[in-house]
Amino acid sequence: MSAEFDEQLVRHVAHLARLKLSDDAIAVAASHLSRVVDYVNLLNEVDTEGVAETAHPFEADGVMRDDVARSSVDREAAIKNAPDQAAGCFRVPRVLDQGDA
């Protein structure tokens, strides 16, 4: 089963992700996404009967550090190199409610 990602779907996803893509990039993305899904579908055809499920290819015992409380960075040190700040807080560009939904 082939998955077709048309340019309209790519444009919609790009809009949701706030990406500005050229027409050429949209065409390439549609082709690439279709190929990725086709490859995943191909992998779904592989017989995995009798293969144990794994979350990691290697044994990973004891990889977590002890949960020890410690002090964090103070506010002044955290925002010292911020490009824009106000009242001890980071200021960032608005990304919501831009009226082009």
C-alpha atoms as a PDB file:
ATOM      1  CA  MET A   1       0.000   0.000   0.000  1.00  0.00           C
ATOM      2  CA  SER A   2       1.529   3.284  -1.070  1.00  0.00           C
ATOM      3  CA  ALA A   3       1.014   6.415   0.989  1.00  0.00           C
ATOM      4  CA  GLU A   4       0.684   9.575  -1.030  1.00  0.00           C
ATOM      5  CA  PHE A   5       1.542  12.863   0.594  1.00  0.00           C
ATOM      6  CA  ASP A   6       0.237  15.516  -1.737  1.00  0.00           C
ATOM      7  CA  GLU A   7       1.455  19.092  -1.690  1.00  0.00           C
ATOM      8  CA  GLN A   8      -1.747  20.307  -0.017  1.00  0.00           C
ATOM      9  CA  LEU A   9      -1.093  18.051   3.004  1.00  0.00           C
ATOM     10  CA  VAL A  10       2.539  19.190   3.211  1.00  0.00           C
ATOM     11  CA  ARG A  11       1.440  22.838   3.055  1.00  0.00           C
ATOM     12  CA  HIS A  12      -1.049  22.199   5.868  1.00  0.00           C
ATOM     13  CA  VAL A  13       1.546  20.526   8.099  1.00  0.00           C
ATOM     14  CA  ALA A  14       4.086  23.255   7.311  1.00  0.00           C
ATOM     15  CA  HIS A  15       1.513  25.875   8.325  1.00  0.00           C
ATOM     16  CA  LEU A  16       0.836  24.086  11.621  1.00  0.00           C
ATOM     17  CA  ALA A  17       4.581  23.890  12.288  1.00  0.00           C
ATOM     18  CA  ARG A  18       5.004  27.542  11.274  1.00  0.00           C
ATOM     19  CA  LEU A  19       7.438  26.609   8.501  1.00  0.00           C
ATOM     20  CA  LYS A  20       7.825  28.702   5.386  1.00  0.00           C
ATOM     21  CA  LEU A  21       8.648  26.328   2.551  1.00  0.00           C
ATOM     22  CA  SER A  22       9.183  27.146  -1.092  1.00  0.00           C
ATOM     23  CA  ASP A  23       7.134  25.355  -3.743  1.00  0.00           C
ATOM     24  CA  ASP A  24      10.196  23.264  -4.618  1.00  0.00           C
ATOM     25  CA  ALA A  25      10.734  22.291  -0.972  1.00  0.00           C
ATOM     26  CA  ILE A  26       7.071  21.307  -0.642  1.00  0.00           C
ATOM     27  CA  ALA A  27       7.296  19.036  -3.667  1.00  0.00           C
ATOM     28  CA  VAL A  28      10.475  17.415  -2.345  1.00  0.00           C
ATOM     29  CA  ALA A  29       8.965  16.994   1.138  1.00  0.00           C
ATOM     30  CA  ALA A  30       5.844  15.346  -0.286  1.00  0.00           C
ATOM     31  CA  SER A  31       7.996  12.873  -2.202  1.00  0.00           C
ATOM     32  CA  HIS A  32      10.246  12.142   0.776  1.00  0.00           C
ATOM     33  CA  LEU A  33       7.363  11.669   3.222  1.00  0.00           C
ATOM     34  CA  SER A  34       5.680   9.243   0.834  1.00  0.00           C
ATOM     35  CA  ARG A  35       8.905   7.245   0.561  1.00  0.00           C
ATOM     36  CA  VAL A  36       9.351   7.145   4.353  1.00  0.00           C
ATOM     37  CA  VAL A  37       5.832   5.817   4.912  1.00  0.00           C
ATOM     38  CA  ASP A  38       6.294   3.288   2.101  1.00  0.00           C
ATOM     39  CA  TYR A  39       9.472   2.061   3.825  1.00  0.00           C
ATOM     40  CA  VAL A  40       7.697   1.748   7.194  1.00  0.00           C
ATOM     41  CA  ASN A  41       4.943  -0.235   5.478  1.00  0.00           C
ATOM     42  CA  LEU A  42       7.629  -2.490   3.993  1.00  0.00           C
ATOM     43  CA  LEU A  43       9.051  -3.066   7.476  1.00  0.00           C
ATOM     44  CA  ASN A  44       5.561  -4.017   8.669  1.00  0.00           C
ATOM     45  CA  GLU A  45       5.720  -6.982   6.285  1.00  0.00           C
ATOM     46  CA  VAL A  46       8.779  -8.461   8.035  1.00  0.00           C
ATOM     47  CA  ASP A  47       8.017 -11.661   9.943  1.00  0.00           C
ATOM     48  CA  THR A  48       8.805 -10.947  13.598  1.00  0.00           C
ATOM     49  CA  GLU A  49       7.157 -14.064  15.006  1.00  0.00           C
ATOM     50  CA  GLY A  50       9.231 -15.316  17.929  1.00  0.00           C
ATOM     51  CA  VAL A  51      11.333 -12.151  18.162  1.00  0.00           C
ATOM     52  CA  ALA A  52      11.271 -10.686  21.657  1.00  0.00           C
ATOM     53  CA  GLU A  53      10.180  -7.076  21.986  1.00  0.00           C
ATOM     54  CA  THR A  54      12.953  -4.692  22.935  1.00  0.00           C
ATOM     55  CA  ALA A  55      13.082  -1.048  23.916  1.00  0.00           C
ATOM     56  CA  HIS A  56      16.839  -0.794  23.512  1.00  0.00           C
ATOM     57  CA  PRO A  57      19.331  -2.864  21.485  1.00  0.00           C
ATOM     58  CA  PHE A  58      21.759  -3.141  24.419  1.00  0.00           C
ATOM     59  CA  GLU A  59      21.434  -4.092  28.050  1.00  0.00           C
ATOM     60  CA  ALA A  60      20.971  -0.854  29.966  1.00  0.00           C
ATOM     61  CA  ASP A  61      20.819  -1.651  33.666  1.00  0.00           C
ATOM     62  CA  GLY A  62      21.436   1.059  36.236  1.00  0.00           C
ATOM     63  CA  VAL A  63      21.697   3.981  33.845  1.00  0.00           C
ATOM     64  CA  MET A  64      19.757   6.338  36.093  1.00  0.00           C
ATOM     65  CA  ARG A  65      21.543   8.565  38.581  1.00  0.00           C
ATOM     66  CA  ASP A  66      20.344   8.932  42.137  1.00  0.00           C
ATOM     67  CA  ASP A  67      17.591  11.507  42.521  1.00  0.00           C
ATOM     68  CA  VAL A  68      19.319  13.972  44.822  1.00  0.00           C
ATOM     69  CA  ALA A  69      17.938  17.432  45.532  1.00  0.00           C
ATOM     70  CA  ARG A  70      20.360  20.247  44.775  1.00  0.00           C
ATOM     71  CA  SER A  71      20.129  23.958  44.224  1.00  0.00           C
ATOM     72  CA  SER A  72      19.381  25.270  40.761  1.00  0.00           C
ATOM     73  CA  VAL A  73      20.842  28.239  38.907  1.00  0.00           C
ATOM     74  CA  ASP A  74      19.759  31.537  40.408  1.00  0.00           C
ATOM     75  CA  ARG A  75      17.541  33.829  38.316  1.00  0.00           C
ATOM     76  CA  GLU A  76      20.180  36.490  37.631  1.00  0.00           C
ATOM     77  CA  ALA A  77      22.685  33.936  36.355  1.00  0.00           C
ATOM     78  CA  ALA A  78      20.042  32.269  34.175  1.00  0.00           C
ATOM     79  CA  ILE A  79      18.992  35.440  32.340  1.00  0.00           C
ATOM     80  CA  LYS A  80      22.382  37.162  32.330  1.00  0.00           C
ATOM     81  CA  ASN A  81      23.017  36.358  28.651  1.00  0.00           C
ATOM     82  CA  ALA A  82      19.392  36.483  27.479  1.00  0.00           C
ATOM     83  CA  PRO A  83      19.000  38.594  24.336  1.00  0.00           C
ATOM     84  CA  ASP A  84      15.822  40.177  25.726  1.00  0.00           C
ATOM     85  CA  GLN A  85      14.487  40.246  29.270  1.00  0.00           C
ATOM     86  CA  ALA A  86      12.027  42.172  31.426  1.00  0.00           C
ATOM     87  CA  ALA A  87      11.323  42.047  35.143  1.00  0.00           C
ATOM     88  CA  GLY A  88      13.699  39.129  35.618  1.00  0.00           C
ATOM     89  CA  CYS A  89      12.023  36.998  32.934  1.00  0.00           C
ATOM     90  CA  PHE A  90      12.966  35.899  29.427  1.00  0.00           C
ATOM     91  CA  ARG A  91      11.153  37.776  26.649  1.00  0.00           C
ATOM     92  CA  VAL A  92      10.473  35.779  23.480  1.00  0.00           C
ATOM     93  CA  PRO A  93       8.649  36.590  20.240  1.00  0.00           C
ATOM     94  CA  ARG A  94       4.925  35.905  20.186  1.00  0.00           C
ATOM     95  CA  VAL A  95       4.083  32.792  18.160  1.00  0.00           C
ATOM     96  CA  LEU A  96       0.361  32.399  18.788  1.00  0.00           C
ATOM     97  CA  ASP A  97      -2.625  34.483  17.770  1.00  0.00           C
ATOM     98  CA  GLN A  98      -0.993  35.947  14.681  1.00  0.00           C
ATOM     99  CA  GLY A  99      -4.292  36.019  12.795  1.00  0.00           C
ATOM    100  CA  ASP A 100      -3.225  33.846   9.825  1.00  0.00           C
ATOM    101  CA  ALA A 101      -4.858  30.631  10.990  1.00  0.00           C
END
